[in-house]
Structure formats: C-alpha cells, structure tokens
Amino acid sequence: MIIKILGTGCKKCNLLEENVKKAVTGTNADVQVEKVTDLGEITGYGVMSTPALVIDDRVVSQGKVLKPKDIEGFIQKLG
C-alpha cells in the first residue's frame, strides 16, 4: 500500500503527515508513506484543496486533517 500526503508544506499538511505516521504504526499493514509537494502532481490527482490523502492512487480526503484513527480505518478498509 502506498499512502501519499499531498500538500505544499503548510502546518496542516505537516500535521496530516504526522497523523499518517501514527496511524501506520498502529496497523500491521505493509505501507509506504510519501509526501508530494509538487503542485503539478497534486493537481494531477484533481485535488483543489490541501492537505489531501491518497491511498493507492485513490484520493480519500482533501482539505482537512484526518485523525490517526480515521486514517487507520482507511488503511484497514482499502488494505
């Protein structure tokens, strides 16, 4: 599973990245976490509001900071 955090490095983007790392630690899933800051790549996902969360090339959230528990749910559901 590949999880991407899309954002330009703002406070909310960094917080989402921290929450993703916490969520990954709470699961036994084989997960690779990447941070995407390139605006061209971000808009390529159709995202207009950051931070956004992409799991295996599927946008699951945009414009908000998810809590680790919510991210764990996505990992279990999509994993």
Protein backbone atom coordinates (compact mmCIF):
# COMPACT_ATOMS: atom_id res chain seq x y z
CA MET A 1 0.00 0.00 0.00
CA ILE A 2 1.26 3.47 -0.88
CA ILE A 3 -0.06 6.45 1.04
CA LYS A 4 0.65 9.93 -0.27
CA ILE A 5 0.20 13.17 1.58
CA LEU A 6 -0.41 15.95 -0.93
CA GLY A 7 0.47 19.44 0.24
CA THR A 8 2.85 22.32 -0.09
CA GLY A 9 4.34 22.02 3.39
CA CYS A 10 1.86 24.12 5.34
CA LYS A 11 1.10 23.47 9.01
CA LYS A 12 -1.97 21.34 8.21
CA CYS A 13 -0.05 19.31 5.64
CA ASN A 14 2.69 18.56 8.15
CA LEU A 15 0.11 17.61 10.79
CA LEU A 16 -1.57 15.20 8.37
CA GLU A 17 1.81 13.62 7.68
CA GLU A 18 2.39 13.14 11.42
CA ASN A 19 -1.07 11.59 11.80
CA VAL A 20 -0.45 9.22 8.89
CA LYS A 21 2.78 8.03 10.51
CA LYS A 22 0.95 7.45 13.81
CA ALA A 23 -1.81 5.55 12.01
CA VAL A 24 0.65 3.36 10.12
CA THR A 25 2.39 2.49 13.39
CA GLY A 26 -0.98 1.37 14.77
CA THR A 27 -1.55 -1.15 11.98
CA ASN A 28 0.29 -4.21 10.76
CA ALA A 29 -0.13 -3.18 7.13
CA ASP A 30 2.81 -3.01 4.72
CA VAL A 31 2.67 0.71 3.99
CA GLN A 32 4.94 3.13 2.17
CA VAL A 33 4.38 6.81 3.02
CA GLU A 34 5.30 9.56 0.55
CA LYS A 35 4.94 13.33 0.70
CA VAL A 36 4.07 15.12 -2.54
CA THR A 37 4.74 18.86 -2.71
CA ASP A 38 4.82 19.38 -6.48
CA LEU A 39 1.75 21.42 -7.47
CA GLY A 40 1.58 19.80 -10.89
CA GLU A 41 1.42 16.33 -9.37
CA ILE A 42 -1.11 17.48 -6.75
CA THR A 43 -3.46 18.94 -9.35
CA GLY A 44 -2.97 15.78 -11.43
CA TYR A 45 -4.98 13.99 -8.76
CA GLY A 46 -7.79 16.53 -9.21
CA VAL A 47 -7.15 17.95 -5.76
CA MET A 48 -8.08 21.59 -5.31
CA SER A 49 -7.69 21.81 -1.54
CA THR A 50 -4.76 20.60 0.56
CA PRO A 51 -3.85 18.71 2.55
CA ALA A 52 -5.07 15.65 0.72
CA LEU A 53 -4.62 11.97 1.39
CA VAL A 54 -4.17 9.46 -1.43
CA ILE A 55 -4.13 5.72 -0.82
CA ASP A 56 -3.04 3.53 -3.73
CA ASP A 57 -3.76 6.37 -6.20
CA ARG A 58 -7.26 6.97 -4.81
CA VAL A 59 -8.00 10.37 -3.22
CA VAL A 60 -9.73 9.59 0.08
CA SER A 61 -9.66 13.04 1.67
CA GLN A 62 -8.89 16.62 0.80
CA GLY A 63 -8.95 19.94 2.60
CA LYS A 64 -8.85 18.55 6.13
CA VAL A 65 -6.53 16.96 8.66
CA LEU A 66 -7.70 13.45 9.43
CA LYS A 67 -7.14 11.94 12.88
CA PRO A 68 -4.92 8.84 13.12
CA LYS A 69 -7.97 6.70 13.98
CA ASP A 70 -9.73 7.79 10.75
CA ILE A 71 -6.62 7.06 8.70
CA GLU A 72 -6.33 3.60 10.29
CA GLY A 73 -9.89 2.96 9.13
CA PHE A 74 -8.96 3.77 5.54
CA ILE A 75 -5.90 1.53 5.76
CA GLN A 76 -7.97 -1.40 7.03
CA LYS A 77 -10.77 -0.78 4.54
CA LEU A 78 -8.55 -0.38 1.49
CA GLY A 79 -5.75 -2.71 2.54
